Amino acid sequence: MDDIKQIVGRNIQKYRKIKKLTQEQLAEMINLETISLSRIETGKNYPTSENLSKISKILNVDPYEFFIFEQELTNTQILEEIYNKIECLKNDTTKLKMINNIIKSIL
């Protein structure tokens, strides 16, 4: 079983990538050294409560979501994650059309 630091770190990284931010960009936004954010994302360090709060605001994610194991997501959480990912693509017509076609093909 993964260490809680690793779970939090992976989830921070996941949501950072969804927002299409680099480690450097996110680190700068929360006034943290890039190496420190890297150590958080790899599970070597745990973020302070202040940094966790800043990260959650920037990534538009409730802090508790950083602690969720992937297999424990409810349908509502999965939908929220999908909506958040699609929201990041709102200006990319090509990718939105692709997603629309995929959804049509499954329904």
C-alpha atoms as a PDB file:
ATOM      1  CA  MET A   1       0.000   0.000   0.000  1.00  0.00           C
ATOM      2  CA  ASP A   2       1.214   3.486  -0.851  1.00  0.00           C
ATOM      3  CA  ASP A   3       2.306   5.950   1.778  1.00  0.00           C
ATOM      4  CA  ILE A   4      -0.131   8.844   2.319  1.00  0.00           C
ATOM      5  CA  LYS A   5       2.585  11.291   1.190  1.00  0.00           C
ATOM      6  CA  GLN A   6       2.834   9.443  -2.122  1.00  0.00           C
ATOM      7  CA  ILE A   7      -0.939   9.496  -2.614  1.00  0.00           C
ATOM      8  CA  VAL A   8      -1.151  13.220  -1.870  1.00  0.00           C
ATOM      9  CA  GLY A   9       1.826  13.918  -4.118  1.00  0.00           C
ATOM     10  CA  ARG A  10       0.450  11.905  -7.036  1.00  0.00           C
ATOM     11  CA  ASN A  11      -2.927  13.605  -6.727  1.00  0.00           C
ATOM     12  CA  ILE A  12      -1.353  17.065  -6.646  1.00  0.00           C
ATOM     13  CA  GLN A  13       0.618  16.161  -9.749  1.00  0.00           C
ATOM     14  CA  LYS A  14      -2.500  14.775 -11.463  1.00  0.00           C
ATOM     15  CA  TYR A  15      -4.550  17.910 -10.846  1.00  0.00           C
ATOM     16  CA  ARG A  16      -1.610  20.161 -11.767  1.00  0.00           C
ATOM     17  CA  LYS A  17      -1.334  18.414 -15.121  1.00  0.00           C
ATOM     18  CA  ILE A  18      -5.092  18.670 -15.660  1.00  0.00           C
ATOM     19  CA  LYS A  19      -4.693  22.434 -15.280  1.00  0.00           C
ATOM     20  CA  LYS A  20      -1.751  22.268 -17.709  1.00  0.00           C
ATOM     21  CA  LEU A  21       0.657  23.850 -15.240  1.00  0.00           C
ATOM     22  CA  THR A  22       4.322  22.977 -14.994  1.00  0.00           C
ATOM     23  CA  GLN A  23       5.924  22.369 -11.628  1.00  0.00           C
ATOM     24  CA  GLU A  24       7.735  25.662 -12.063  1.00  0.00           C
ATOM     25  CA  GLN A  25       4.507  27.569 -12.664  1.00  0.00           C
ATOM     26  CA  LEU A  26       2.664  26.053  -9.707  1.00  0.00           C
ATOM     27  CA  ALA A  27       5.665  26.463  -7.420  1.00  0.00           C
ATOM     28  CA  GLU A  28       5.916  30.134  -8.343  1.00  0.00           C
ATOM     29  CA  MET A  29       2.186  30.643  -7.753  1.00  0.00           C
ATOM     30  CA  ILE A  30       2.449  29.281  -4.211  1.00  0.00           C
ATOM     31  CA  ASN A  31       5.830  30.887  -3.518  1.00  0.00           C
ATOM     32  CA  LEU A  32       7.684  27.586  -3.185  1.00  0.00           C
ATOM     33  CA  GLU A  33      10.942  26.333  -4.667  1.00  0.00           C
ATOM     34  CA  THR A  34      10.388  24.020  -7.646  1.00  0.00           C
ATOM     35  CA  ILE A  35      12.506  21.314  -5.994  1.00  0.00           C
ATOM     36  CA  SER A  36      10.232  21.444  -2.942  1.00  0.00           C
ATOM     37  CA  LEU A  37       7.137  20.933  -5.099  1.00  0.00           C
ATOM     38  CA  SER A  38       8.920  18.094  -6.875  1.00  0.00           C
ATOM     39  CA  ARG A  39       9.635  16.424  -3.527  1.00  0.00           C
ATOM     40  CA  ILE A  40       5.966  16.825  -2.561  1.00  0.00           C
ATOM     41  CA  GLU A  41       4.755  15.304  -5.838  1.00  0.00           C
ATOM     42  CA  THR A  42       7.106  12.328  -5.488  1.00  0.00           C
ATOM     43  CA  GLY A  43       5.974  11.677  -1.919  1.00  0.00           C
ATOM     44  CA  LYS A  44       9.279  12.534  -0.293  1.00  0.00           C
ATOM     45  CA  ASN A  45       7.855  15.552   1.526  1.00  0.00           C
ATOM     46  CA  TYR A  46       4.414  16.442   2.754  1.00  0.00           C
ATOM     47  CA  PRO A  47       3.036  19.931   1.980  1.00  0.00           C
ATOM     48  CA  THR A  48       2.362  22.273   4.875  1.00  0.00           C
ATOM     49  CA  SER A  49      -1.303  22.980   5.522  1.00  0.00           C
ATOM     50  CA  GLU A  50      -0.764  26.494   4.169  1.00  0.00           C
ATOM     51  CA  ASN A  51       0.765  25.199   0.927  1.00  0.00           C
ATOM     52  CA  LEU A  52      -1.900  22.515   0.595  1.00  0.00           C
ATOM     53  CA  SER A  53      -4.547  25.221   0.893  1.00  0.00           C
ATOM     54  CA  LYS A  54      -2.820  27.380  -1.731  1.00  0.00           C
ATOM     55  CA  ILE A  55      -2.423  24.420  -4.095  1.00  0.00           C
ATOM     56  CA  SER A  56      -6.066  23.435  -3.739  1.00  0.00           C
ATOM     57  CA  LYS A  57      -7.222  26.983  -4.532  1.00  0.00           C
ATOM     58  CA  ILE A  58      -4.984  27.299  -7.580  1.00  0.00           C
ATOM     59  CA  LEU A  59      -5.955  23.860  -8.900  1.00  0.00           C
ATOM     60  CA  ASN A  60      -9.624  24.395  -7.986  1.00  0.00           C
ATOM     61  CA  VAL A  61      -9.730  21.140  -6.030  1.00  0.00           C
ATOM     62  CA  ASP A  62     -11.110  20.556  -2.541  1.00  0.00           C
ATOM     63  CA  PRO A  63      -8.178  19.656  -0.267  1.00  0.00           C
ATOM     64  CA  TYR A  64      -9.722  16.304   0.694  1.00  0.00           C
ATOM     65  CA  GLU A  65      -9.451  15.183  -2.938  1.00  0.00           C
ATOM     66  CA  PHE A  66      -5.669  15.031  -2.616  1.00  0.00           C
ATOM     67  CA  PHE A  67      -6.156  12.198  -0.094  1.00  0.00           C
ATOM     68  CA  ILE A  68      -8.467  10.049  -2.236  1.00  0.00           C
ATOM     69  CA  PHE A  69      -7.183   6.736  -3.498  1.00  0.00           C
ATOM     70  CA  GLU A  70      -7.979   6.385  -7.188  1.00  0.00           C
ATOM     71  CA  GLN A  71     -10.120   3.276  -6.686  1.00  0.00           C
ATOM     72  CA  GLU A  72     -12.246   5.006  -4.042  1.00  0.00           C
ATOM     73  CA  LEU A  73     -13.801   7.609  -6.335  1.00  0.00           C
ATOM     74  CA  THR A  74     -17.588   7.755  -6.315  1.00  0.00           C
ATOM     75  CA  ASN A  75     -19.585   8.315  -9.487  1.00  0.00           C
ATOM     76  CA  THR A  76     -20.113  11.933  -8.445  1.00  0.00           C
ATOM     77  CA  GLN A  77     -16.363  12.431  -7.959  1.00  0.00           C
ATOM     78  CA  ILE A  78     -15.624  10.800 -11.296  1.00  0.00           C
ATOM     79  CA  LEU A  79     -18.101  13.142 -12.988  1.00  0.00           C
ATOM     80  CA  GLU A  80     -16.572  16.156 -11.242  1.00  0.00           C
ATOM     81  CA  GLU A  81     -13.133  15.068 -12.422  1.00  0.00           C
ATOM     82  CA  ILE A  82     -14.408  14.668 -15.977  1.00  0.00           C
ATOM     83  CA  TYR A  83     -16.083  18.099 -15.849  1.00  0.00           C
ATOM     84  CA  ASN A  84     -12.871  19.675 -14.543  1.00  0.00           C
ATOM     85  CA  LYS A  85     -10.849  18.077 -17.324  1.00  0.00           C
ATOM     86  CA  ILE A  86     -13.323  19.178 -19.976  1.00  0.00           C
ATOM     87  CA  GLU A  87     -13.393  22.690 -18.496  1.00  0.00           C
ATOM     88  CA  CYS A  88      -9.634  22.898 -19.100  1.00  0.00           C
ATOM     89  CA  LEU A  89     -10.303  22.184 -22.773  1.00  0.00           C
ATOM     90  CA  LYS A  90     -13.085  24.733 -23.268  1.00  0.00           C
ATOM     91  CA  ASN A  91     -11.010  26.717 -25.764  1.00  0.00           C
ATOM     92  CA  ASP A  92      -9.728  23.701 -27.697  1.00  0.00           C
ATOM     93  CA  THR A  93     -12.420  22.945 -30.269  1.00  0.00           C
ATOM     94  CA  THR A  94     -10.542  20.010 -31.778  1.00  0.00           C
ATOM     95  CA  LYS A  95     -10.205  18.147 -28.485  1.00  0.00           C
ATOM     96  CA  LEU A  96     -13.781  18.967 -27.461  1.00  0.00           C
ATOM     97  CA  LYS A  97     -15.057  17.511 -30.730  1.00  0.00           C
ATOM     98  CA  MET A  98     -12.938  14.414 -30.160  1.00  0.00           C
ATOM     99  CA  ILE A  99     -14.347  13.972 -26.639  1.00  0.00           C
ATOM    100  CA  ASN A 100     -17.866  14.494 -27.961  1.00  0.00           C
ATOM    101  CA  ASN A 101     -17.322  11.790 -30.582  1.00  0.00           C
ATOM    102  CA  ILE A 102     -15.960   9.378 -27.974  1.00  0.00           C
ATOM    103  CA  ILE A 103     -18.969   9.970 -25.721  1.00  0.00           C
ATOM    104  CA  LYS A 104     -21.364   9.501 -28.662  1.00  0.00           C
ATOM    105  CA  SER A 105     -19.678   6.215 -29.520  1.00  0.00           C
ATOM    106  CA  ILE A 106     -20.173   4.792 -26.030  1.00  0.00           C
ATOM    107  CA  LEU A 107     -23.779   5.840 -25.602  1.00  0.00           C
END
